[in-house]
Amino acid sequence: SEETSAFLPIGMTERRNRYSIRLPWFTDDITRLRIDPSDHSGLVHV
């Protein structure tokens, strides 16, 4: 849900970089993780 999500805009270059995003606070274990890379079609190196 939106309540258990975090958002981060990332600007990239051809150099490989690492970006961090802190998830909402919770104490339970995470059972599944969903990553929506972008709201546009296209090509990217992950």
ModelCIF file with pLDDT and N, C-alpha, C, O atoms, coordinates in Angstrom:
data_MODEL
#
_entry.id   MODEL 
#
_entity.id                         1 
_entity.type                       polymer 
_entity.pdbx_number_of_molecules   1 
#
_entity_poly.entity_id                      1 
_entity_poly.type                           'polypeptide(L)' 
_entity_poly.nstd_linkage                   no 
_entity_poly.nstd_monomer                   no 
_entity_poly.pdbx_seq_one_letter_code       SEETSAFLPIGMTERRNRYSIRLPWFTDDITRLRIDPSDHSGLVHV 
_entity_poly.pdbx_seq_one_letter_code_can   SEETSAFLPIGMTERRNRYSIRLPWFTDDITRLRIDPSDHSGLVHV 
_entity_poly.pdbx_strand_id                 A 
#
loop_
_entity_poly_seq.entity_id 
_entity_poly_seq.num 
_entity_poly_seq.mon_id 
_entity_poly_seq.hetero 
1 1  SER n 
1 2  GLU n 
1 3  GLU n 
1 4  THR n 
1 5  SER n 
1 6  ALA n 
1 7  PHE n 
1 8  LEU n 
1 9  PRO n 
1 10 ILE n 
1 11 GLY n 
1 12 MET n 
1 13 THR n 
1 14 GLU n 
1 15 ARG n 
1 16 ARG n 
1 17 ASN n 
1 18 ARG n 
1 19 TYR n 
1 20 SER n 
1 21 ILE n 
1 22 ARG n 
1 23 LEU n 
1 24 PRO n 
1 25 TRP n 
1 26 PHE n 
1 27 THR n 
1 28 ASP n 
1 29 ASP n 
1 30 ILE n 
1 31 THR n 
1 32 ARG n 
1 33 LEU n 
1 34 ARG n 
1 35 ILE n 
1 36 ASP n 
1 37 PRO n 
1 38 SER n 
1 39 ASP n 
1 40 HIS n 
1 41 SER n 
1 42 GLY n 
1 43 LEU n 
1 44 VAL n 
1 45 HIS n 
1 46 VAL n 
#
_struct_asym.id          A 
_struct_asym.entity_id   1 
#
loop_
_ma_qa_metric.id 
_ma_qa_metric.mode 
_ma_qa_metric.name 
_ma_qa_metric.software_group_id 
_ma_qa_metric.type 
1 global pLDDT . pLDDT 
2 local  pLDDT . pLDDT 
#
_ma_qa_metric_global.metric_id      1 
_ma_qa_metric_global.metric_value   85.50 
_ma_qa_metric_global.model_id       1 
_ma_qa_metric_global.ordinal_id     1 
#
loop_
_ma_qa_metric_local.label_asym_id 
_ma_qa_metric_local.label_comp_id 
_ma_qa_metric_local.label_seq_id 
_ma_qa_metric_local.metric_id 
_ma_qa_metric_local.metric_value 
_ma_qa_metric_local.model_id 
_ma_qa_metric_local.ordinal_id 
A SER 1  2 88.00 1 1  
A GLU 2  2 85.00 1 2  
A GLU 3  2 81.00 1 3  
A THR 4  2 80.00 1 4  
A SER 5  2 89.00 1 5  
A ALA 6  2 91.00 1 6  
A PHE 7  2 89.00 1 7  
A LEU 8  2 86.00 1 8  
A PRO 9  2 80.00 1 9  
A ILE 10 2 83.00 1 10 
A GLY 11 2 77.00 1 11 
A MET 12 2 79.00 1 12 
A THR 13 2 78.00 1 13 
A GLU 14 2 82.00 1 14 
A ARG 15 2 85.00 1 15 
A ARG 16 2 91.00 1 16 
A ASN 17 2 90.00 1 17 
A ARG 18 2 93.00 1 18 
A TYR 19 2 92.00 1 19 
A SER 20 2 93.00 1 20 
A ILE 21 2 92.00 1 21 
A ARG 22 2 91.00 1 22 
A LEU 23 2 87.00 1 23 
A PRO 24 2 83.00 1 24 
A TRP 25 2 76.00 1 25 
A PHE 26 2 69.00 1 26 
A THR 27 2 63.00 1 27 
A ASP 28 2 73.00 1 28 
A ASP 29 2 77.00 1 29 
A ILE 30 2 80.00 1 30 
A THR 31 2 85.00 1 31 
A ARG 32 2 89.00 1 32 
A LEU 33 2 91.00 1 33 
A ARG 34 2 94.00 1 34 
A ILE 35 2 95.00 1 35 
A ASP 36 2 95.00 1 36 
A PRO 37 2 92.00 1 37 
A SER 38 2 88.00 1 38 
A ASP 39 2 82.00 1 39 
A HIS 40 2 79.00 1 40 
A SER 41 2 83.00 1 41 
A GLY 42 2 86.00 1 42 
A LEU 43 2 90.00 1 43 
A VAL 44 2 93.00 1 44 
A HIS 45 2 94.00 1 45 
A VAL 46 2 94.00 1 46 
#
loop_
_atom_site.group_PDB 
_atom_site.id 
_atom_site.type_symbol 
_atom_site.label_atom_id 
_atom_site.label_alt_id 
_atom_site.label_comp_id 
_atom_site.label_asym_id 
_atom_site.label_entity_id 
_atom_site.label_seq_id 
_atom_site.pdbx_PDB_ins_code 
_atom_site.Cartn_x 
_atom_site.Cartn_y 
_atom_site.Cartn_z 
_atom_site.occupancy 
_atom_site.B_iso_or_equiv 
_atom_site.pdbx_formal_charge 
_atom_site.auth_seq_id 
_atom_site.auth_comp_id 
_atom_site.auth_asym_id 
_atom_site.auth_atom_id 
_atom_site.pdbx_PDB_model_num 
ATOM 1   N N  . SER A 1 1  ? 0.859  -1.188  0.000   1.00 88.00 ? 1  SER A N  1 
ATOM 2   C CA . SER A 1 1  ? 0.000  0.000   0.000   1.00 88.00 ? 1  SER A CA 1 
ATOM 3   C C  . SER A 1 1  ? 0.891  1.232   0.000   1.00 88.00 ? 1  SER A C  1 
ATOM 4   O O  . SER A 1 1  ? 2.098  1.142   0.224   1.00 88.00 ? 1  SER A O  1 
ATOM 5   N N  . GLU A 1 2  ? 0.284  2.376   -0.253  1.00 85.00 ? 2  GLU A N  1 
ATOM 6   C CA . GLU A 1 2  ? 1.039  3.627   -0.235  1.00 85.00 ? 2  GLU A CA 1 
ATOM 7   C C  . GLU A 1 2  ? 1.614  3.893   1.154   1.00 85.00 ? 2  GLU A C  1 
ATOM 8   O O  . GLU A 1 2  ? 2.672  4.509   1.280   1.00 85.00 ? 2  GLU A O  1 
ATOM 9   N N  . GLU A 1 3  ? 0.924  3.431   2.196   1.00 81.00 ? 3  GLU A N  1 
ATOM 10  C CA . GLU A 1 3  ? 1.393  3.657   3.561   1.00 81.00 ? 3  GLU A CA 1 
ATOM 11  C C  . GLU A 1 3  ? 2.696  2.913   3.842   1.00 81.00 ? 3  GLU A C  1 
ATOM 12  O O  . GLU A 1 3  ? 3.507  3.358   4.654   1.00 81.00 ? 3  GLU A O  1 
ATOM 13  N N  . THR A 1 4  ? 2.893  1.788   3.175   1.00 80.00 ? 4  THR A N  1 
ATOM 14  C CA . THR A 1 4  ? 4.113  1.005   3.400   1.00 80.00 ? 4  THR A CA 1 
ATOM 15  C C  . THR A 1 4  ? 5.071  1.162   2.219   1.00 80.00 ? 4  THR A C  1 
ATOM 16  O O  . THR A 1 4  ? 5.774  0.218   1.856   1.00 80.00 ? 4  THR A O  1 
ATOM 17  N N  . SER A 1 5  ? 5.098  2.341   1.627   1.00 89.00 ? 5  SER A N  1 
ATOM 18  C CA . SER A 1 5  ? 5.979  2.581   0.479   1.00 89.00 ? 5  SER A CA 1 
ATOM 19  C C  . SER A 1 5  ? 6.827  3.817   0.716   1.00 89.00 ? 5  SER A C  1 
ATOM 20  O O  . SER A 1 5  ? 6.541  4.628   1.597   1.00 89.00 ? 5  SER A O  1 
ATOM 21  N N  . ALA A 1 6  ? 7.867  3.947   -0.080  1.00 91.00 ? 6  ALA A N  1 
ATOM 22  C CA . ALA A 1 6  ? 8.740  5.120   -0.046  1.00 91.00 ? 6  ALA A CA 1 
ATOM 23  C C  . ALA A 1 6  ? 9.077  5.485   -1.480  1.00 91.00 ? 6  ALA A C  1 
ATOM 24  O O  . ALA A 1 6  ? 9.126  4.618   -2.352  1.00 91.00 ? 6  ALA A O  1 
ATOM 25  N N  . PHE A 1 7  ? 9.311  6.772   -1.727  1.00 89.00 ? 7  PHE A N  1 
ATOM 26  C CA . PHE A 1 7  ? 9.501  7.283   -3.084  1.00 89.00 ? 7  PHE A CA 1 
ATOM 27  C C  . PHE A 1 7  ? 10.826 8.031   -3.154  1.00 89.00 ? 7  PHE A C  1 
ATOM 28  O O  . PHE A 1 7  ? 11.204 8.737   -2.219  1.00 89.00 ? 7  PHE A O  1 
ATOM 29  N N  . LEU A 1 8  ? 11.527 7.867   -4.277  1.00 86.00 ? 8  LEU A N  1 
ATOM 30  C CA . LEU A 1 8  ? 12.790 8.565   -4.475  1.00 86.00 ? 8  LEU A CA 1 
ATOM 31  C C  . LEU A 1 8  ? 13.004 8.865   -5.956  1.00 86.00 ? 8  LEU A C  1 
ATOM 32  O O  . LEU A 1 8  ? 13.093 7.934   -6.756  1.00 86.00 ? 8  LEU A O  1 
ATOM 33  N N  . PRO A 1 9  ? 13.089 10.151  -6.346  1.00 80.00 ? 9  PRO A N  1 
ATOM 34  C CA . PRO A 1 9  ? 13.489 10.482  -7.727  1.00 80.00 ? 9  PRO A CA 1 
ATOM 35  C C  . PRO A 1 9  ? 15.000 10.380  -7.862  1.00 80.00 ? 9  PRO A C  1 
ATOM 36  O O  . PRO A 1 9  ? 15.740 10.878  -7.014  1.00 80.00 ? 9  PRO A O  1 
ATOM 37  N N  . ILE A 1 10 ? 15.451 9.741   -8.917  1.00 83.00 ? 10 ILE A N  1 
ATOM 38  C CA . ILE A 1 10 ? 16.875 9.493   -9.130  1.00 83.00 ? 10 ILE A CA 1 
ATOM 39  C C  . ILE A 1 10 ? 17.274 10.033  -10.494 1.00 83.00 ? 10 ILE A C  1 
ATOM 40  O O  . ILE A 1 10 ? 16.621 9.744   -11.497 1.00 83.00 ? 10 ILE A O  1 
ATOM 41  N N  . GLY A 1 11 ? 18.335 10.810  -10.530 1.00 77.00 ? 11 GLY A N  1 
ATOM 42  C CA . GLY A 1 11 ? 18.943 11.230  -11.785 1.00 77.00 ? 11 GLY A CA 1 
ATOM 43  C C  . GLY A 1 11 ? 20.201 10.419  -12.019 1.00 77.00 ? 11 GLY A C  1 
ATOM 44  O O  . GLY A 1 11 ? 21.049 10.330  -11.131 1.00 77.00 ? 11 GLY A O  1 
ATOM 45  N N  . MET A 1 12 ? 20.340 9.828   -13.193 1.00 79.00 ? 12 MET A N  1 
ATOM 46  C CA . MET A 1 12 ? 21.420 8.874   -13.434 1.00 79.00 ? 12 MET A CA 1 
ATOM 47  C C  . MET A 1 12 ? 22.388 9.370   -14.508 1.00 79.00 ? 12 MET A C  1 
ATOM 48  O O  . MET A 1 12 ? 22.084 10.287  -15.271 1.00 79.00 ? 12 MET A O  1 
ATOM 49  N N  . THR A 1 13 ? 23.552 8.740   -14.544 1.00 78.00 ? 13 THR A N  1 
ATOM 50  C CA . THR A 1 13 ? 24.513 8.924   -15.619 1.00 78.00 ? 13 THR A CA 1 
ATOM 51  C C  . THR A 1 13 ? 24.962 7.528   -16.059 1.00 78.00 ? 13 THR A C  1 
ATOM 52  O O  . THR A 1 13 ? 24.482 6.524   -15.533 1.00 78.00 ? 13 THR A O  1 
ATOM 53  N N  . GLU A 1 14 ? 25.881 7.470   -17.018 1.00 82.00 ? 14 GLU A N  1 
ATOM 54  C CA . GLU A 1 14 ? 26.383 6.174   -17.463 1.00 82.00 ? 14 GLU A CA 1 
ATOM 55  C C  . GLU A 1 14 ? 27.332 5.551   -16.441 1.00 82.00 ? 14 GLU A C  1 
ATOM 56  O O  . GLU A 1 14 ? 27.727 4.394   -16.582 1.00 82.00 ? 14 GLU A O  1 
ATOM 57  N N  . ARG A 1 15 ? 27.691 6.311   -15.423 1.00 85.00 ? 15 ARG A N  1 
ATOM 58  C CA . ARG A 1 15 ? 28.504 5.760   -14.343 1.00 85.00 ? 15 ARG A CA 1 
ATOM 59  C C  . ARG A 1 15 ? 27.589 5.026   -13.363 1.00 85.00 ? 15 ARG A C  1 
ATOM 60  O O  . ARG A 1 15 ? 26.503 5.507   -13.040 1.00 85.00 ? 15 ARG A O  1 
ATOM 61  N N  . ARG A 1 16 ? 28.024 3.882   -12.904 1.00 91.00 ? 16 ARG A N  1 
ATOM 62  C CA . ARG A 1 16 ? 27.247 3.088   -11.960 1.00 91.00 ? 16 ARG A CA 1 
ATOM 63  C C  . ARG A 1 16 ? 27.285 3.739   -10.576 1.00 91.00 ? 16 ARG A C  1 
ATOM 64  O O  . ARG A 1 16 ? 28.352 3.936   -9.994  1.00 91.00 ? 16 ARG A O  1 
ATOM 65  N N  . ASN A 1 17 ? 26.092 4.068   -10.061 1.00 90.00 ? 17 ASN A N  1 
ATOM 66  C CA . ASN A 1 17 ? 25.985 4.705   -8.753  1.00 90.00 ? 17 ASN A CA 1 
ATOM 67  C C  . ASN A 1 17 ? 24.969 3.979   -7.895  1.00 90.00 ? 17 ASN A C  1 
ATOM 68  O O  . ASN A 1 17 ? 24.069 3.305   -8.396  1.00 90.00 ? 17 ASN A O  1 
ATOM 69  N N  . ARG A 1 18 ? 25.135 4.133   -6.577  1.00 93.00 ? 18 ARG A N  1 
ATOM 70  C CA . ARG A 1 18 ? 24.226 3.502   -5.631  1.00 93.00 ? 18 ARG A CA 1 
ATOM 71  C C  . ARG A 1 18 ? 23.389 4.578   -4.942  1.00 93.00 ? 18 ARG A C  1 
ATOM 72  O O  . ARG A 1 18 ? 23.914 5.605   -4.513  1.00 93.00 ? 18 ARG A O  1 
ATOM 73  N N  . TYR A 1 19 ? 22.084 4.332   -4.842  1.00 92.00 ? 19 TYR A N  1 
ATOM 74  C CA . TYR A 1 19 ? 21.156 5.274   -4.216  1.00 92.00 ? 19 TYR A CA 1 
ATOM 75  C C  . TYR A 1 19 ? 20.413 4.561   -3.096  1.00 92.00 ? 19 TYR A C  1 
ATOM 76  O O  . TYR A 1 19 ? 20.092 3.378   -3.206  1.00 92.00 ? 19 TYR A O  1 
ATOM 77  N N  . SER A 1 20 ? 20.143 5.286   -2.023  1.00 93.00 ? 20 SER A N  1 
ATOM 78  C CA . SER A 1 20 ? 19.502 4.707   -0.842  1.00 93.00 ? 20 SER A CA 1 
ATOM 79  C C  . SER A 1 20 ? 18.120 5.305   -0.632  1.00 93.00 ? 20 SER A C  1 
ATOM 80  O O  . SER A 1 20 ? 17.898 6.494   -0.862  1.00 93.00 ? 20 SER A O  1 
ATOM 81  N N  . ILE A 1 21 ? 17.200 4.463   -0.193  1.00 92.00 ? 21 ILE A N  1 
ATOM 82  C CA . ILE A 1 21 ? 15.850 4.906   0.115   1.00 92.00 ? 21 ILE A CA 1 
ATOM 83  C C  . ILE A 1 21 ? 15.410 4.200   1.396   1.00 92.00 ? 21 ILE A C  1 
ATOM 84  O O  . ILE A 1 21 ? 15.425 2.972   1.473   1.00 92.00 ? 21 ILE A O  1 
ATOM 85  N N  . ARG A 1 22 ? 15.028 4.969   2.377   1.00 91.00 ? 22 ARG A N  1 
ATOM 86  C CA . ARG A 1 22 ? 14.629 4.423   3.671   1.00 91.00 ? 22 ARG A CA 1 
ATOM 87  C C  . ARG A 1 22 ? 13.150 4.057   3.641   1.00 91.00 ? 22 ARG A C  1 
ATOM 88  O O  . ARG A 1 22 ? 12.309 4.873   3.263   1.00 91.00 ? 22 ARG A O  1 
ATOM 89  N N  . LEU A 1 23 ? 12.837 2.829   4.038   1.00 87.00 ? 23 LEU A N  1 
ATOM 90  C CA . LEU A 1 23 ? 11.454 2.368   4.034   1.00 87.00 ? 23 LEU A CA 1 
ATOM 91  C C  . LEU A 1 23 ? 10.730 2.864   5.276   1.00 87.00 ? 23 LEU A C  1 
ATOM 92  O O  . LEU A 1 23 ? 11.369 3.183   6.279   1.00 87.00 ? 23 LEU A O  1 
ATOM 93  N N  . PRO A 1 24 ? 9.388  2.932   5.219   1.00 83.00 ? 24 PRO A N  1 
ATOM 94  C CA . PRO A 1 24 ? 8.637  3.323   6.406   1.00 83.00 ? 24 PRO A CA 1 
ATOM 95  C C  . PRO A 1 24 ? 8.952  2.404   7.588   1.00 83.00 ? 24 PRO A C  1 
ATOM 96  O O  . PRO A 1 24 ? 9.267  1.228   7.403   1.00 83.00 ? 24 PRO A O  1 
ATOM 97  N N  . TRP A 1 25 ? 8.866  2.945   8.788   1.00 76.00 ? 25 TRP A N  1 
ATOM 98  C CA . TRP A 1 25 ? 9.248  2.175   9.976   1.00 76.00 ? 25 TRP A CA 1 
ATOM 99  C C  . TRP A 1 25 ? 8.201  1.120   10.287  1.00 76.00 ? 25 TRP A C  1 
ATOM 100 O O  . TRP A 1 25 ? 7.002  1.400   10.253  1.00 76.00 ? 25 TRP A O  1 
ATOM 101 N N  . PHE A 1 26 ? 8.641  -0.066  10.583  1.00 69.00 ? 26 PHE A N  1 
ATOM 102 C CA . PHE A 1 26 ? 7.772  -1.151  11.041  1.00 69.00 ? 26 PHE A CA 1 
ATOM 103 C C  . PHE A 1 26 ? 8.640  -2.167  11.767  1.00 69.00 ? 26 PHE A C  1 
ATOM 104 O O  . PHE A 1 26 ? 9.857  -2.204  11.585  1.00 69.00 ? 26 PHE A O  1 
ATOM 105 N N  . THR A 1 27 ? 8.000  -2.991  12.590  1.00 63.00 ? 27 THR A N  1 
ATOM 106 C CA . THR A 1 27 ? 8.736  -3.976  13.387  1.00 63.00 ? 27 THR A CA 1 
ATOM 107 C C  . THR A 1 27 ? 8.594  -5.378  12.837  1.00 63.00 ? 27 THR A C  1 
ATOM 108 O O  . THR A 1 27 ? 9.445  -6.225  13.108  1.00 63.00 ? 27 THR A O  1 
ATOM 109 N N  . ASP A 1 28 ? 7.534  -5.659  12.063  1.00 73.00 ? 28 ASP A N  1 
ATOM 110 C CA . ASP A 1 28 ? 7.343  -7.009  11.528  1.00 73.00 ? 28 ASP A CA 1 
ATOM 111 C C  . ASP A 1 28 ? 8.385  -7.323  10.467  1.00 73.00 ? 28 ASP A C  1 
ATOM 112 O O  . ASP A 1 28 ? 9.010  -6.426  9.901   1.00 73.00 ? 28 ASP A O  1 
ATOM 113 N N  . ASP A 1 29 ? 8.560  -8.611  10.211  1.00 77.00 ? 29 ASP A N  1 
ATOM 114 C CA . ASP A 1 29 ? 9.443  -9.030  9.138   1.00 77.00 ? 29 ASP A CA 1 
ATOM 115 C C  . ASP A 1 29 ? 8.798  -8.741  7.778   1.00 77.00 ? 29 ASP A C  1 
ATOM 116 O O  . ASP A 1 29 ? 7.575  -8.763  7.646   1.00 77.00 ? 29 ASP A O  1 
ATOM 117 N N  . ILE A 1 30 ? 9.629  -8.472  6.778   1.00 80.00 ? 30 ILE A N  1 
ATOM 118 C CA . ILE A 1 30 ? 9.155  -8.232  5.417   1.00 80.00 ? 30 ILE A CA 1 
ATOM 119 C C  . ILE A 1 30 ? 9.002  -9.585  4.723   1.00 80.00 ? 30 ILE A C  1 
ATOM 120 O O  . ILE A 1 30 ? 9.936  -10.386 4.698   1.00 80.00 ? 30 ILE A O  1 
ATOM 121 N N  . THR A 1 31 ? 7.832  -9.831  4.167   1.00 85.00 ? 31 THR A N  1 
ATOM 122 C CA . THR A 1 31 ? 7.610  -11.091 3.457   1.00 85.00 ? 31 THR A CA 1 
ATOM 123 C C  . THR A 1 31 ? 7.776  -10.934 1.952   1.00 85.00 ? 31 THR A C  1 
ATOM 124 O O  . THR A 1 31 ? 8.246  -11.847 1.274   1.00 85.00 ? 31 THR A O  1 
ATOM 125 N N  . ARG A 1 32 ? 7.386  -9.771  1.433   1.00 89.00 ? 32 ARG A N  1 
ATOM 126 C CA . ARG A 1 32 ? 7.572  -9.520  0.003   1.00 89.00 ? 32 ARG A CA 1 
ATOM 127 C C  . ARG A 1 32 ? 8.002  -8.077  -0.203  1.00 89.00 ? 32 ARG A C  1 
ATOM 128 O O  . ARG A 1 32 ? 7.677  -7.192  0.589   1.00 89.00 ? 32 ARG A O  1 
ATOM 129 N N  . LEU A 1 33 ? 8.737  -7.865  -1.279  1.00 91.00 ? 33 LEU A N  1 
ATOM 130 C CA . LEU A 1 33 ? 9.243  -6.543  -1.623  1.00 91.00 ? 33 LEU A CA 1 
ATOM 131 C C  . LEU A 1 33 ? 8.826  -6.234  -3.051  1.00 91.00 ? 33 LEU A C  1 
ATOM 132 O O  . LEU A 1 33 ? 9.019  -7.054  -3.948  1.00 91.00 ? 33 LEU A O  1 
ATOM 133 N N  . ARG A 1 34 ? 8.268  -5.080  -3.261  1.00 94.00 ? 34 ARG A N  1 
ATOM 134 C CA . ARG A 1 34 ? 7.861  -4.663  -4.610  1.00 94.00 ? 34 ARG A CA 1 
ATOM 135 C C  . ARG A 1 34 ? 8.597  -3.381  -4.970  1.00 94.00 ? 34 ARG A C  1 
ATOM 136 O O  . ARG A 1 34 ? 8.590  -2.412  -4.211  1.00 94.00 ? 34 ARG A O  1 
ATOM 137 N N  . ILE A 1 35 ? 9.227  -3.388  -6.132  1.00 95.00 ? 35 ILE A N  1 
ATOM 138 C CA . ILE A 1 35 ? 9.969  -2.220  -6.608  1.00 95.00 ? 35 ILE A CA 1 
ATOM 139 C C  . ILE A 1 35 ? 9.372  -1.776  -7.932  1.00 95.00 ? 35 ILE A C  1 
ATOM 140 O O  . ILE A 1 35 ? 9.357  -2.538  -8.899  1.00 95.00 ? 35 ILE A O  1 
ATOM 141 N N  . ASP A 1 36 ? 8.878  -0.546  -7.976  1.00 95.00 ? 36 ASP A N  1 
ATOM 142 C CA . ASP A 1 36 ? 8.416  0.096   -9.215  1.00 95.00 ? 36 ASP A CA 1 
ATOM 143 C C  . ASP A 1 36 ? 9.527  1.045   -9.665  1.00 95.00 ? 36 ASP A C  1 
ATOM 144 O O  . ASP A 1 36 ? 9.645  2.144   -9.125  1.00 95.00 ? 36 ASP A O  1 
ATOM 145 N N  . PRO A 1 37 ? 10.348 0.643   -10.646 1.00 92.00 ? 37 PRO A N  1 
ATOM 146 C CA . PRO A 1 37 ? 11.527 1.451   -10.992 1.00 92.00 ? 37 PRO A CA 1 
ATOM 147 C C  . PRO A 1 37 ? 11.194 2.831   -11.536 1.00 92.00 ? 37 PRO A C  1 
ATOM 148 O O  . PRO A 1 37 ? 11.903 3.798   -11.259 1.00 92.00 ? 37 PRO A O  1 
ATOM 149 N N  . SER A 1 38 ? 10.108 2.927   -12.317 1.00 88.00 ? 38 SER A N  1 
ATOM 150 C CA . SER A 1 38 ? 9.831  4.191   -12.991 1.00 88.00 ? 38 SER A CA 1 
ATOM 151 C C  . SER A 1 38 ? 8.370  4.236   -13.388 1.00 88.00 ? 38 SER A C  1 
ATOM 152 O O  . SER A 1 38 ? 7.675  3.220   -13.370 1.00 88.00 ? 38 SER A O  1 
ATOM 153 N N  . ASP A 1 39 ? 7.911  5.421   -13.745 1.00 82.00 ? 39 ASP A N  1 
ATOM 154 C CA . ASP A 1 39 ? 6.572  5.561   -14.300 1.00 82.00 ? 39 ASP A CA 1 
ATOM 155 C C  . ASP A 1 39 ? 6.641  5.858   -15.795 1.00 82.00 ? 39 ASP A C  1 
ATOM 156 O O  . ASP A 1 39 ? 5.732  6.462   -16.366 1.00 82.00 ? 39 ASP A O  1 
ATOM 157 N N  . HIS A 1 40 ? 7.740  5.421   -16.421 1.00 79.00 ? 40 HIS A N  1 
ATOM 158 C CA . HIS A 1 40 ? 7.908  5.575   -17.864 1.00 79.00 ? 40 HIS A CA 1 
ATOM 159 C C  . HIS A 1 40 ? 8.538  4.320   -18.447 1.00 79.00 ? 40 HIS A C  1 
ATOM 160 O O  . HIS A 1 40 ? 9.307  3.629   -17.778 1.00 79.00 ? 40 HIS A O  1 
ATOM 161 N N  . SER A 1 41 ? 8.211  4.039   -19.678 1.00 83.00 ? 41 SER A N  1 
ATOM 162 C CA . SER A 1 41 ? 8.880  2.945   -20.371 1.00 83.00 ? 41 SER A CA 1 
ATOM 163 C C  . SER A 1 41 ? 10.268 3.396   -20.802 1.00 83.00 ? 41 SER A C  1 
ATOM 164 O O  . SER A 1 41 ? 10.520 4.590   -20.966 1.00 83.00 ? 41 SER A O  1 
ATOM 165 N N  . GLY A 1 42 ? 11.169 2.431   -20.986 1.00 86.00 ? 42 GLY A N  1 
ATOM 166 C CA . GLY A 1 42 ? 12.521 2.774   -21.413 1.00 86.00 ? 42 GLY A CA 1 
ATOM 167 C C  . GLY A 1 42 ? 13.523 1.712   -21.003 1.00 86.00 ? 42 GLY A C  1 
ATOM 168 O O  . GLY A 1 42 ? 13.155 0.633   -20.538 1.00 86.00 ? 42 GLY A O  1 
ATOM 169 N N  . LEU A 1 43 ? 14.797 2.036   -21.184 1.00 90.00 ? 43 LEU A N  1 
ATOM 170 C CA . LEU A 1 43 ? 15.898 1.120   -20.915 1.00 90.00 ? 43 LEU A CA 1 
ATOM 171 C C  . LEU A 1 43 ? 16.733 1.628   -19.752 1.00 90.00 ? 43 LEU A C  1 
ATOM 172 O O  . LEU A 1 43 ? 16.978 2.829   -19.639 1.00 90.00 ? 43 LEU A O  1 
ATOM 173 N N  . VAL A 1 44 ? 17.176 0.716   -18.882 1.00 93.00 ? 44 VAL A N  1 
ATOM 174 C CA . VAL A 1 44 ? 17.988 1.101   -17.739 1.00 93.00 ? 44 VAL A CA 1 
ATOM 175 C C  . VAL A 1 44 ? 18.831 -0.094  -17.307 1.00 93.00 ? 44 VAL A C  1 
ATOM 176 O O  . VAL A 1 44 ? 18.412 -1.243  -17.449 1.00 93.00 ? 44 VAL A O  1 
ATOM 177 N N  . HIS A 1 45 ? 20.008 0.181   -16.784 1.00 94.00 ? 45 HIS A N  1 
ATOM 178 C CA . HIS A 1 45 ? 20.806 -0.849  -16.133 1.00 94.00 ? 45 HIS A CA 1 
ATOM 179 C C  . HIS A 1 45 ? 20.464 -0.853  -14.648 1.00 94.00 ? 45 HIS A C  1 
ATOM 180 O O  . HIS A 1 45 ? 20.683 0.146   -13.963 1.00 94.00 ? 45 HIS A O  1 
ATOM 181 N N  . VAL A 1 46 ? 19.932 -1.961  -14.143 1.00 94.00 ? 46 VAL A N  1 
ATOM 182 C CA . VAL A 1 46 ? 19.791 -2.168  -12.701 1.00 94.00 ? 46 VAL A CA 1 
ATOM 183 C C  . VAL A 1 46 ? 20.803 -3.241  -12.327 1.00 94.00 ? 46 VAL A C  1 
ATOM 184 O O  . VAL A 1 46 ? 20.901 -3.616  -11.159 1.00 94.00 ? 46 VAL A O  1 
#
